[in-house]
Amino acid sequence: MKFGYRDRIVLLIACVVIILGIGIFVFIKPKYEKMRKDEKSLKDERDSWALKLDDYAGIPKYQKSIQEKRDDANTIALNFTDEMDATKLDQFLQENFLNTEKNIQYDTKLQGALSVSDESATSVGYYYYTPNIVSYPLMEYADLDGSLQKALDEKRADQAVFGTRAVQSVGVGNANFAVKISKENCMEFIDAVRKFAEDHSDAMILNSVSIEDIKFNGGKTVERDKEGKLTGTRPENLPDKYKDVKDEDLGYSNVNFNYSVYYMQEPTGVDVGPEYQPSIWDGNEWRNYKAPEQKTE
């Protein structure tokens, strides 16, 4: 079968189209589709990298925030007492409150054992005032502009804020002891605890003070010298119930003190890493960085 000139031209064109079609579908289209996927992957990676750079740029802010929180916690911890076991707490009380020069001079004596405990945990809640809110229908009707309700909400502001906060736990050491002490020295002892806490930014409290004889055996003492020896005369006009009291006991009473001291762990040092330098991403050296292998035990 012979093809004419026109038929050969048509056949040639058809062959070229077929070859081009095969080339397009076999070679060009897969490459094009791969190129489109690569372009999308590149865009996604660039977007992801931009987000990472934003995160890295925030490193100084995070470092500052971490350091500030550590400093704030350290400041709070400074308002608590240094941790003490039972032995150190005993020594602390003896040196600062019991065996003082004045207590020795005025014959203030420990009665029985000084009971102290090792550190334990206790809960410390927030202190806030809970107001007594009175409401009744006529009051509600009278609140035409909402000002009365606003005033009530302001009264409850502290309760609303602190009442929802979680109670925190801290360390505590307790001591219970009784001393024979004069009324004047008893008041000075109580004030000494308060003053020591203020001067040293310590957290301590006298939970209770129980006085055996509120009149302190007549309230009048016999004078003593620097060594504690009685040098004065017996007070006159003592009530009958105190006439048989010994000279060394006049003006004194056994007073029981229940004392607590609170501890909070000071934050340890914090390593926030080196200062962030955006120029670290210049060049290609960082691309070859390999993180050290993590050792597992």
C-alpha atoms as a PDB file:
ATOM      1  CA  MET A   1       0.000   0.000   0.000  1.00  0.00           C
ATOM      2  CA  LYS A   2       1.434   3.228  -1.078  1.00  0.00           C
ATOM      3  CA  PHE A   3       0.965   6.483   0.793  1.00  0.00           C
ATOM      4  CA  GLY A   4       0.637   9.670  -1.024  1.00  0.00           C
ATOM      5  CA  TYR A   5       2.617  12.757  -0.107  1.00  0.00           C
ATOM      6  CA  ARG A   6      -0.242  14.147   1.930  1.00  0.00           C
ATOM      7  CA  ASP A   7      -0.747  10.844   3.769  1.00  0.00           C
ATOM      8  CA  ARG A   8       2.919  10.686   4.660  1.00  0.00           C
ATOM      9  CA  ILE A   9       2.801  14.215   6.062  1.00  0.00           C
ATOM     10  CA  VAL A  10      -0.246  13.363   8.157  1.00  0.00           C
ATOM     11  CA  LEU A  11       1.372  10.140   9.396  1.00  0.00           C
ATOM     12  CA  LEU A  12       4.571  11.995  10.258  1.00  0.00           C
ATOM     13  CA  ILE A  13       2.667  14.616  12.211  1.00  0.00           C
ATOM     14  CA  ALA A  14       0.725  11.873  14.025  1.00  0.00           C
ATOM     15  CA  CYS A  15       3.976  10.104  14.943  1.00  0.00           C
ATOM     16  CA  VAL A  16       5.471  13.342  16.255  1.00  0.00           C
ATOM     17  CA  VAL A  17       2.334  14.031  18.330  1.00  0.00           C
ATOM     18  CA  ILE A  18       2.371  10.495  19.710  1.00  0.00           C
ATOM     19  CA  ILE A  19       6.062  10.742  20.583  1.00  0.00           C
ATOM     20  CA  LEU A  20       5.543  14.157  22.206  1.00  0.00           C
ATOM     21  CA  GLY A  21       2.523  12.831  24.146  1.00  0.00           C
ATOM     22  CA  ILE A  22       4.482   9.852  25.369  1.00  0.00           C
ATOM     23  CA  GLY A  23       7.372  12.142  26.302  1.00  0.00           C
ATOM     24  CA  ILE A  24       5.097  14.508  28.161  1.00  0.00           C
ATOM     25  CA  PHE A  25       3.306  11.777  30.144  1.00  0.00           C
ATOM     26  CA  VAL A  26       6.372   9.628  30.758  1.00  0.00           C
ATOM     27  CA  PHE A  27       9.038  12.269  31.416  1.00  0.00           C
ATOM     28  CA  ILE A  28       7.715  15.816  31.669  1.00  0.00           C
ATOM     29  CA  LYS A  29       4.510  15.350  33.727  1.00  0.00           C
ATOM     30  CA  PRO A  30       6.153  13.351  36.603  1.00  0.00           C
ATOM     31  CA  LYS A  31       8.933  15.919  36.758  1.00  0.00           C
ATOM     32  CA  TYR A  32       6.413  18.739  36.793  1.00  0.00           C
ATOM     33  CA  GLU A  33       4.364  17.089  39.537  1.00  0.00           C
ATOM     34  CA  LYS A  34       7.521  16.490  41.560  1.00  0.00           C
ATOM     35  CA  MET A  35       8.496  20.106  41.048  1.00  0.00           C
ATOM     36  CA  ARG A  36       5.094  21.260  42.352  1.00  0.00           C
ATOM     37  CA  LYS A  37       5.441  19.023  45.396  1.00  0.00           C
ATOM     38  CA  ASP A  38       8.968  20.280  46.002  1.00  0.00           C
ATOM     39  CA  GLU A  39       7.776  23.864  45.750  1.00  0.00           C
ATOM     40  CA  LYS A  40       5.047  23.174  48.324  1.00  0.00           C
ATOM     41  CA  SER A  41       7.521  21.376  50.604  1.00  0.00           C
ATOM     42  CA  LEU A  42       9.932  24.283  50.251  1.00  0.00           C
ATOM     43  CA  LYS A  43       7.203  26.773  51.157  1.00  0.00           C
ATOM     44  CA  ASP A  44       6.150  24.671  54.159  1.00  0.00           C
ATOM     45  CA  GLU A  45       9.748  24.375  55.337  1.00  0.00           C
ATOM     46  CA  ARG A  46      10.315  28.107  54.922  1.00  0.00           C
ATOM     47  CA  ASP A  47       7.149  28.858  56.884  1.00  0.00           C
ATOM     48  CA  SER A  48       8.209  26.370  59.551  1.00  0.00           C
ATOM     49  CA  TRP A  49      11.681  27.877  59.690  1.00  0.00           C
ATOM     50  CA  ALA A  50      10.216  31.388  60.006  1.00  0.00           C
ATOM     51  CA  LEU A  51       8.175  30.204  63.004  1.00  0.00           C
ATOM     52  CA  LYS A  52      11.285  28.646  64.527  1.00  0.00           C
ATOM     53  CA  LEU A  53      13.211  31.892  64.057  1.00  0.00           C
ATOM     54  CA  ASP A  54      10.392  33.716  65.838  1.00  0.00           C
ATOM     55  CA  ASP A  55      10.665  31.220  68.690  1.00  0.00           C
ATOM     56  CA  TYR A  56      14.440  31.617  68.817  1.00  0.00           C
ATOM     57  CA  ALA A  57      14.039  35.404  68.827  1.00  0.00           C
ATOM     58  CA  GLY A  58      11.925  34.996  71.971  1.00  0.00           C
ATOM     59  CA  ILE A  59      14.719  33.212  73.858  1.00  0.00           C
ATOM     60  CA  PRO A  60      15.938  36.410  75.623  1.00  0.00           C
ATOM     61  CA  LYS A  61      12.383  37.042  76.833  1.00  0.00           C
ATOM     62  CA  TYR A  62      12.080  33.497  78.155  1.00  0.00           C
ATOM     63  CA  GLN A  63      15.496  33.709  79.804  1.00  0.00           C
ATOM     64  CA  LYS A  64      14.539  36.952  81.518  1.00  0.00           C
ATOM     65  CA  SER A  65      11.180  35.543  82.615  1.00  0.00           C
ATOM     66  CA  ILE A  66      12.806  32.431  84.102  1.00  0.00           C
ATOM     67  CA  GLN A  67      15.372  34.522  85.969  1.00  0.00           C
ATOM     68  CA  GLU A  68      12.714  36.923  87.257  1.00  0.00           C
ATOM     69  CA  LYS A  69      10.571  34.065  88.536  1.00  0.00           C
ATOM     70  CA  ARG A  70      13.591  32.545  90.250  1.00  0.00           C
ATOM     71  CA  ASP A  71      14.452  35.903  91.839  1.00  0.00           C
ATOM     72  CA  ASP A  72      10.842  36.399  92.987  1.00  0.00           C
ATOM     73  CA  ALA A  73      10.776  32.927  94.532  1.00  0.00           C
ATOM     74  CA  ASN A  74      14.115  33.608  96.204  1.00  0.00           C
ATOM     75  CA  THR A  75      12.760  36.858  97.675  1.00  0.00           C
ATOM     76  CA  ILE A  76       9.755  34.997  99.085  1.00  0.00           C
ATOM     77  CA  ALA A  77      12.021  32.293 100.523  1.00  0.00           C
ATOM     78  CA  LEU A  78      14.075  34.945 102.310  1.00  0.00           C
ATOM     79  CA  ASN A  79      10.973  35.793 104.357  1.00  0.00           C
ATOM     80  CA  PHE A  80      11.011  32.304 105.844  1.00  0.00           C
ATOM     81  CA  THR A  81      13.370  30.872 108.447  1.00  0.00           C
ATOM     82  CA  ASP A  82      16.391  28.728 107.644  1.00  0.00           C
ATOM     83  CA  GLU A  83      15.574  25.037 108.005  1.00  0.00           C
ATOM     84  CA  MET A  84      16.367  23.483 111.390  1.00  0.00           C
ATOM     85  CA  ASP A  85      16.086  19.985 112.790  1.00  0.00           C
ATOM     86  CA  ALA A  86      14.908  19.428 116.363  1.00  0.00           C
ATOM     87  CA  THR A  87      18.398  19.893 117.832  1.00  0.00           C
ATOM     88  CA  LYS A  88      19.033  23.166 115.997  1.00  0.00           C
ATOM     89  CA  LEU A  89      15.552  24.460 116.866  1.00  0.00           C
ATOM     90  CA  ASP A  90      16.223  23.716 120.542  1.00  0.00           C
ATOM     91  CA  GLN A  91      19.528  25.585 120.357  1.00  0.00           C
ATOM     92  CA  PHE A  92      17.883  28.452 118.460  1.00  0.00           C
ATOM     93  CA  LEU A  93      15.233  28.954 121.156  1.00  0.00           C
ATOM     94  CA  GLN A  94      17.755  28.701 123.974  1.00  0.00           C
ATOM     95  CA  GLU A  95      20.135  31.254 122.471  1.00  0.00           C
ATOM     96  CA  ASN A  96      17.616  33.817 121.262  1.00  0.00           C
ATOM     97  CA  PHE A  97      14.714  33.689 123.714  1.00  0.00           C
ATOM     98  CA  LEU A  98      15.299  31.548 126.795  1.00  0.00           C
ATOM     99  CA  ASN A  99      18.889  31.907 127.978  1.00  0.00           C
ATOM    100  CA  THR A 100      19.052  35.666 127.573  1.00  0.00           C
ATOM    101  CA  GLU A 101      20.903  37.842 130.065  1.00  0.00           C
ATOM    102  CA  LYS A 102      17.691  39.301 131.458  1.00  0.00           C
ATOM    103  CA  ASN A 103      15.991  35.918 131.838  1.00  0.00           C
ATOM    104  CA  ILE A 104      19.018  34.637 133.739  1.00  0.00           C
ATOM    105  CA  GLN A 105      19.080  37.776 135.925  1.00  0.00           C
ATOM    106  CA  TYR A 106      15.396  37.508 136.786  1.00  0.00           C
ATOM    107  CA  ASP A 107      15.492  33.749 137.359  1.00  0.00           C
ATOM    108  CA  THR A 108      13.285  32.810 134.417  1.00  0.00           C
ATOM    109  CA  LYS A 109      13.439  29.017 134.364  1.00  0.00           C
ATOM    110  CA  LEU A 110      12.280  26.308 132.033  1.00  0.00           C
ATOM    111  CA  GLN A 111       9.696  24.073 133.688  1.00  0.00           C
ATOM    112  CA  GLY A 112       9.914  20.485 132.527  1.00  0.00           C
ATOM    113  CA  ALA A 113      11.176  19.459 129.110  1.00  0.00           C
ATOM    114  CA  LEU A 114      11.456  21.610 126.023  1.00  0.00           C
ATOM    115  CA  SER A 115       9.530  19.631 123.432  1.00  0.00           C
ATOM    116  CA  VAL A 116      10.714  20.265 119.866  1.00  0.00           C
ATOM    117  CA  SER A 117       9.969  18.447 116.627  1.00  0.00           C
ATOM    118  CA  ASP A 118      11.885  17.834 113.429  1.00  0.00           C
ATOM    119  CA  GLU A 119      10.703  19.541 110.274  1.00  0.00           C
ATOM    120  CA  SER A 120       7.400  18.387 108.812  1.00  0.00           C
ATOM    121  CA  ALA A 121       5.062  19.717 106.123  1.00  0.00           C
ATOM    122  CA  THR A 122       2.074  21.908 106.813  1.00  0.00           C
ATOM    123  CA  SER A 123      -0.455  23.829 104.738  1.00  0.00           C
ATOM    124  CA  VAL A 124      -0.429  27.611 104.690  1.00  0.00           C
ATOM    125  CA  GLY A 125      -3.523  29.232 103.269  1.00  0.00           C
ATOM    126  CA  TYR A 126      -4.111  32.807 102.220  1.00  0.00           C
ATOM    127  CA  TYR A 127      -5.359  35.169 104.887  1.00  0.00           C
ATOM    128  CA  TYR A 128      -8.272  37.316 103.831  1.00  0.00           C
ATOM    129  CA  TYR A 129     -11.302  38.923 105.410  1.00  0.00           C
ATOM    130  CA  THR A 130     -14.708  37.441 104.681  1.00  0.00           C
ATOM    131  CA  PRO A 131     -17.283  40.210 105.119  1.00  0.00           C
ATOM    132  CA  ASN A 132     -20.742  39.589 106.506  1.00  0.00           C
ATOM    133  CA  ILE A 133     -23.008  40.488 103.604  1.00  0.00           C
ATOM    134  CA  VAL A 134     -26.626  41.252 104.456  1.00  0.00           C
ATOM    135  CA  SER A 135     -29.111  41.282 101.607  1.00  0.00           C
ATOM    136  CA  TYR A 136     -32.897  41.458 101.579  1.00  0.00           C
ATOM    137  CA  PRO A 137     -35.564  42.142  98.936  1.00  0.00           C
ATOM    138  CA  LEU A 138     -36.093  45.829  99.779  1.00  0.00           C
ATOM    139  CA  MET A 139     -32.362  46.407  99.460  1.00  0.00           C
ATOM    140  CA  GLU A 140     -32.330  44.726  96.056  1.00  0.00           C
ATOM    141  CA  TYR A 141     -35.301  46.810  94.902  1.00  0.00           C
ATOM    142  CA  ALA A 142     -33.566  49.973  96.141  1.00  0.00           C
ATOM    143  CA  ASP A 143     -30.498  49.290  93.988  1.00  0.00           C
ATOM    144  CA  LEU A 144     -31.845  51.171  90.980  1.00  0.00           C
ATOM    145  CA  ASP A 145     -28.445  51.981  89.440  1.00  0.00           C
ATOM    146  CA  GLY A 146     -26.467  48.893  90.504  1.00  0.00           C
ATOM    147  CA  SER A 147     -24.194  50.891  92.835  1.00  0.00           C
ATOM    148  CA  LEU A 148     -25.187  48.864  95.934  1.00  0.00           C
ATOM    149  CA  GLN A 149     -24.271  45.582  94.240  1.00  0.00           C
ATOM    150  CA  LYS A 150     -20.992  47.108  93.058  1.00  0.00           C
ATOM    151  CA  ALA A 151     -20.169  48.111  96.634  1.00  0.00           C
ATOM    152  CA  LEU A 152     -20.905  44.551  97.828  1.00  0.00           C
ATOM    153  CA  ASP A 153     -18.676  43.093  95.114  1.00  0.00           C
ATOM    154  CA  GLU A 154     -15.827  45.391  96.192  1.00  0.00           C
ATOM    155  CA  LYS A 155     -16.173  44.133  99.763  1.00  0.00           C
ATOM    156  CA  ARG A 156     -15.941  40.561  98.514  1.00  0.00           C
ATOM    157  CA  ALA A 157     -12.983  41.248  96.193  1.00  0.00           C
ATOM    158  CA  ASP A 158     -10.291  39.688  98.416  1.00  0.00           C
ATOM    159  CA  GLN A 159     -12.479  36.697  99.158  1.00  0.00           C
ATOM    160  CA  ALA A 160     -13.216  36.207  95.457  1.00  0.00           C
ATOM    161  CA  VAL A 161      -9.509  36.247  94.527  1.00  0.00           C
ATOM    162  CA  PHE A 162      -7.841  34.416  97.406  1.00  0.00           C
ATOM    163  CA  GLY A 163     -10.699  32.013  98.058  1.00  0.00           C
ATOM    164  CA  THR A 164     -10.049  30.256  94.749  1.00  0.00           C
ATOM    165  CA  ARG A 165      -6.282  29.899  95.141  1.00  0.00           C
ATOM    166  CA  ALA A 166      -4.771  26.585  96.124  1.00  0.00           C
ATOM    167  CA  VAL A 167      -3.373  26.195  99.616  1.00  0.00           C
ATOM    168  CA  GLN A 168       0.413  25.785  99.594  1.00  0.00           C
ATOM    169  CA  SER A 169       2.558  23.487 101.720  1.00  0.00           C
ATOM    170  CA  VAL A 170       5.752  24.579 103.488  1.00  0.00           C
ATOM    171  CA  GLY A 171       8.052  23.142 106.125  1.00  0.00           C
ATOM    172  CA  VAL A 172       7.358  23.735 109.816  1.00  0.00           C
ATOM    173  CA  GLY A 173       9.102  23.087 113.120  1.00  0.00           C
ATOM    174  CA  ASN A 174       7.159  23.112 116.386  1.00  0.00           C
ATOM    175  CA  ALA A 175       8.170  23.638 119.996  1.00  0.00           C
ATOM    176  CA  ASN A 176       6.203  23.452 123.209  1.00  0.00           C
ATOM    177  CA  PHE A 177       7.671  24.590 126.527  1.00  0.00           C
ATOM    178  CA  ALA A 178       6.726  26.101 129.874  1.00  0.00           C
ATOM    179  CA  VAL A 179       8.748  28.651 131.840  1.00  0.00           C
ATOM    180  CA  LYS A 180       8.445  30.260 135.234  1.00  0.00           C
ATOM    181  CA  ILE A 181       8.455  33.925 134.303  1.00  0.00           C
ATOM    182  CA  SER A 182       7.354  37.323 135.584  1.00  0.00           C
ATOM    183  CA  LYS A 183       4.572  39.270 133.905  1.00  0.00           C
ATOM    184  CA  GLU A 184       6.976  41.892 132.591  1.00  0.00           C
ATOM    185  CA  ASN A 185       9.368  39.314 131.175  1.00  0.00           C
ATOM    186  CA  CYS A 186       6.465  37.347 129.702  1.00  0.00           C
ATOM    187  CA  MET A 187       5.378  40.387 127.705  1.00  0.00           C
ATOM    188  CA  GLU A 188       8.977  41.027 126.687  1.00  0.00           C
ATOM    189  CA  PHE A 189       9.351  37.402 125.577  1.00  0.00           C
ATOM    190  CA  ILE A 190       6.289  37.699 123.326  1.00  0.00           C
ATOM    191  CA  ASP A 191       7.573  40.984 121.912  1.00  0.00           C
ATOM    192  CA  ALA A 192      11.044  39.467 121.392  1.00  0.00           C
ATOM    193  CA  VAL A 193       9.583  36.788 119.114  1.00  0.00           C
ATOM    194  CA  ARG A 194       7.787  39.432 117.062  1.00  0.00           C
ATOM    195  CA  LYS A 195      10.860  41.687 116.895  1.00  0.00           C
ATOM    196  CA  PHE A 196      13.175  38.815 115.934  1.00  0.00           C
ATOM    197  CA  ALA A 197      10.826  37.811 113.111  1.00  0.00           C
ATOM    198  CA  GLU A 198      10.702  41.389 111.810  1.00  0.00           C
ATOM    199  CA  ASP A 199      14.443  42.068 112.120  1.00  0.00           C
ATOM    200  CA  HIS A 200      15.479  38.806 110.461  1.00  0.00           C
ATOM    201  CA  SER A 201      12.579  38.450 107.990  1.00  0.00           C
ATOM    202  CA  ASP A 202      11.726  35.108 109.564  1.00  0.00           C
ATOM    203  CA  ALA A 203       8.351  33.367 109.573  1.00  0.00           C
ATOM    204  CA  MET A 204       7.459  32.334 113.108  1.00  0.00           C
ATOM    205  CA  ILE A 205       4.448  32.512 115.370  1.00  0.00           C
ATOM    206  CA  LEU A 206       3.381  31.931 118.946  1.00  0.00           C
ATOM    207  CA  ASN A 207       0.320  29.777 118.411  1.00  0.00           C
ATOM    208  CA  SER A 208      -0.783  30.000 122.026  1.00  0.00           C
ATOM    209  CA  VAL A 209       0.285  31.431 125.380  1.00  0.00           C
ATOM    210  CA  SER A 210      -1.284  29.751 128.411  1.00  0.00           C
ATOM    211  CA  ILE A 211      -0.766  31.444 131.803  1.00  0.00           C
ATOM    212  CA  GLU A 212      -1.235  29.274 134.871  1.00  0.00           C
ATOM    213  CA  ASP A 213      -1.919  32.204 137.237  1.00  0.00           C
ATOM    214  CA  ILE A 214      -3.133  35.312 135.471  1.00  0.00           C
ATOM    215  CA  LYS A 215      -2.232  37.393 138.566  1.00  0.00           C
ATOM    216  CA  PHE A 216       1.352  36.105 138.475  1.00  0.00           C
ATOM    217  CA  ASN A 217       1.314  35.178 142.181  1.00  0.00           C
ATOM    218  CA  GLY A 218       0.492  38.626 143.411  1.00  0.00           C
ATOM    219  CA  GLY A 219       2.131  40.481 140.528  1.00  0.00           C
ATOM    220  CA  LYS A 220       4.913  41.919 142.716  1.00  0.00           C
ATOM    221  CA  THR A 221       8.391  40.424 142.786  1.00  0.00           C
ATOM    222  CA  VAL A 222      11.176  40.540 145.332  1.00  0.00           C
ATOM    223  CA  GLU A 223      14.153  42.486 143.954  1.00  0.00           C
ATOM    224  CA  ARG A 224      17.163  40.509 142.720  1.00  0.00           C
ATOM    225  CA  ASP A 225      20.795  41.342 142.043  1.00  0.00           C
ATOM    226  CA  LYS A 226      22.678  40.647 138.787  1.00  0.00           C
ATOM    227  CA  GLU A 227      23.311  37.085 139.886  1.00  0.00           C
ATOM    228  CA  GLY A 228      19.635  36.489 140.547  1.00  0.00           C
ATOM    229  CA  LYS A 229      19.856  36.458 144.327  1.00  0.00           C
ATOM    230  CA  LEU A 230      16.974  37.965 146.275  1.00  0.00           C
ATOM    231  CA  THR A 231      18.015  41.309 147.742  1.00  0.00           C
ATOM    232  CA  GLY A 232      14.733  43.146 148.423  1.00  0.00           C
ATOM    233  CA  THR A 233      12.027  42.756 151.012  1.00  0.00           C
ATOM    234  CA  ARG A 234       8.787  40.879 150.648  1.00  0.00           C
ATOM    235  CA  PRO A 235       6.040  43.056 149.074  1.00  0.00           C
ATOM    236  CA  GLU A 236       3.420  44.346 151.486  1.00  0.00           C
ATOM    237  CA  ASN A 237      -0.373  44.078 151.236  1.00  0.00           C
ATOM    238  CA  LEU A 238      -0.304  40.808 149.338  1.00  0.00           C
ATOM    239  CA  PRO A 239      -3.693  39.113 148.947  1.00  0.00           C
ATOM    240  CA  ASP A 240      -4.197  36.294 151.415  1.00  0.00           C
ATOM    241  CA  LYS A 241      -3.975  33.614 148.729  1.00  0.00           C
ATOM    242  CA  TYR A 242      -0.368  34.615 148.010  1.00  0.00           C
ATOM    243  CA  LYS A 243       0.957  34.982 151.562  1.00  0.00           C
ATOM    244  CA  ASP A 244       2.281  31.427 151.631  1.00  0.00           C
ATOM    245  CA  VAL A 245       4.012  31.761 148.254  1.00  0.00           C
ATOM    246  CA  LYS A 246       7.809  31.607 148.462  1.00  0.00           C
ATOM    247  CA  ASP A 247       9.761  34.817 147.880  1.00  0.00           C
ATOM    248  CA  GLU A 248      11.330  33.451 144.681  1.00  0.00           C
ATOM    249  CA  ASP A 249       7.869  32.653 143.273  1.00  0.00           C
ATOM    250  CA  LEU A 250       6.187  36.007 143.991  1.00  0.00           C
ATOM    251  CA  GLY A 251       5.344  37.831 140.772  1.00  0.00           C
ATOM    252  CA  TYR A 252       5.996  34.706 138.710  1.00  0.00           C
ATOM    253  CA  SER A 253       3.748  32.186 137.006  1.00  0.00           C
ATOM    254  CA  ASN A 254       4.251  29.113 134.871  1.00  0.00           C
ATOM    255  CA  VAL A 255       3.496  30.109 131.283  1.00  0.00           C
ATOM    256  CA  ASN A 256       3.212  27.578 128.472  1.00  0.00           C
ATOM    257  CA  PHE A 257       4.231  28.665 124.975  1.00  0.00           C
ATOM    258  CA  ASN A 258       3.394  26.833 121.754  1.00  0.00           C
ATOM    259  CA  TYR A 259       5.716  28.071 119.044  1.00  0.00           C
ATOM    260  CA  SER A 260       6.059  27.350 115.323  1.00  0.00           C
ATOM    261  CA  VAL A 261       8.662  28.372 112.785  1.00  0.00           C
ATOM    262  CA  TYR A 262       8.135  28.046 109.033  1.00  0.00           C
ATOM    263  CA  TYR A 263      10.626  27.061 106.344  1.00  0.00           C
ATOM    264  CA  MET A 264      10.575  27.281 102.564  1.00  0.00           C
ATOM    265  CA  GLN A 265      13.236  25.868 100.261  1.00  0.00           C
ATOM    266  CA  GLU A 266      15.227  28.581  98.530  1.00  0.00           C
ATOM    267  CA  PRO A 267      15.327  28.045  94.737  1.00  0.00           C
ATOM    268  CA  THR A 268      18.532  26.582  93.374  1.00  0.00           C
ATOM    269  CA  GLY A 269      20.598  28.324  90.722  1.00  0.00           C
ATOM    270  CA  VAL A 270      19.231  28.357  87.207  1.00  0.00           C
ATOM    271  CA  ASP A 271      21.203  28.058  83.947  1.00  0.00           C
ATOM    272  CA  VAL A 272      19.271  29.818  81.219  1.00  0.00           C
ATOM    273  CA  GLY A 273      22.014  29.292  78.664  1.00  0.00           C
ATOM    274  CA  PRO A 274      24.122  31.788  76.714  1.00  0.00           C
ATOM    275  CA  GLU A 275      22.818  35.014  75.270  1.00  0.00           C
ATOM    276  CA  TYR A 276      20.986  34.430  72.003  1.00  0.00           C
ATOM    277  CA  GLN A 277      22.726  35.837  68.916  1.00  0.00           C
ATOM    278  CA  PRO A 278      20.609  35.983  65.710  1.00  0.00           C
ATOM    279  CA  SER A 279      23.833  36.053  63.672  1.00  0.00           C
ATOM    280  CA  ILE A 280      24.336  32.367  64.480  1.00  0.00           C
ATOM    281  CA  TRP A 281      22.169  31.560  61.451  1.00  0.00           C
ATOM    282  CA  ASP A 282      24.399  33.515  59.061  1.00  0.00           C
ATOM    283  CA  GLY A 283      26.435  31.276  56.831  1.00  0.00           C
ATOM    284  CA  ASN A 284      26.199  27.485  56.622  1.00  0.00           C
ATOM    285  CA  GLU A 285      28.229  26.286  59.604  1.00  0.00           C
ATOM    286  CA  TRP A 286      25.133  25.645  61.701  1.00  0.00           C
ATOM    287  CA  ARG A 287      23.801  23.276  59.029  1.00  0.00           C
ATOM    288  CA  ASN A 288      26.580  20.799  59.813  1.00  0.00           C
ATOM    289  CA  TYR A 289      26.064  20.875  63.573  1.00  0.00           C
ATOM    290  CA  LYS A 290      25.410  17.530  65.233  1.00  0.00           C
ATOM    291  CA  ALA A 291      23.913  17.358  68.691  1.00  0.00           C
ATOM    292  CA  PRO A 292      25.903  15.248  71.158  1.00  0.00           C
ATOM    293  CA  GLU A 293      24.519  11.819  71.827  1.00  0.00           C
ATOM    294  CA  GLN A 294      22.473  11.488  74.992  1.00  0.00           C
ATOM    295  CA  LYS A 295      23.805   8.924  77.408  1.00  0.00           C
ATOM    296  CA  THR A 296      21.234   6.560  78.790  1.00  0.00           C
ATOM    297  CA  GLU A 297      21.709   4.605  81.986  1.00  0.00           C
END
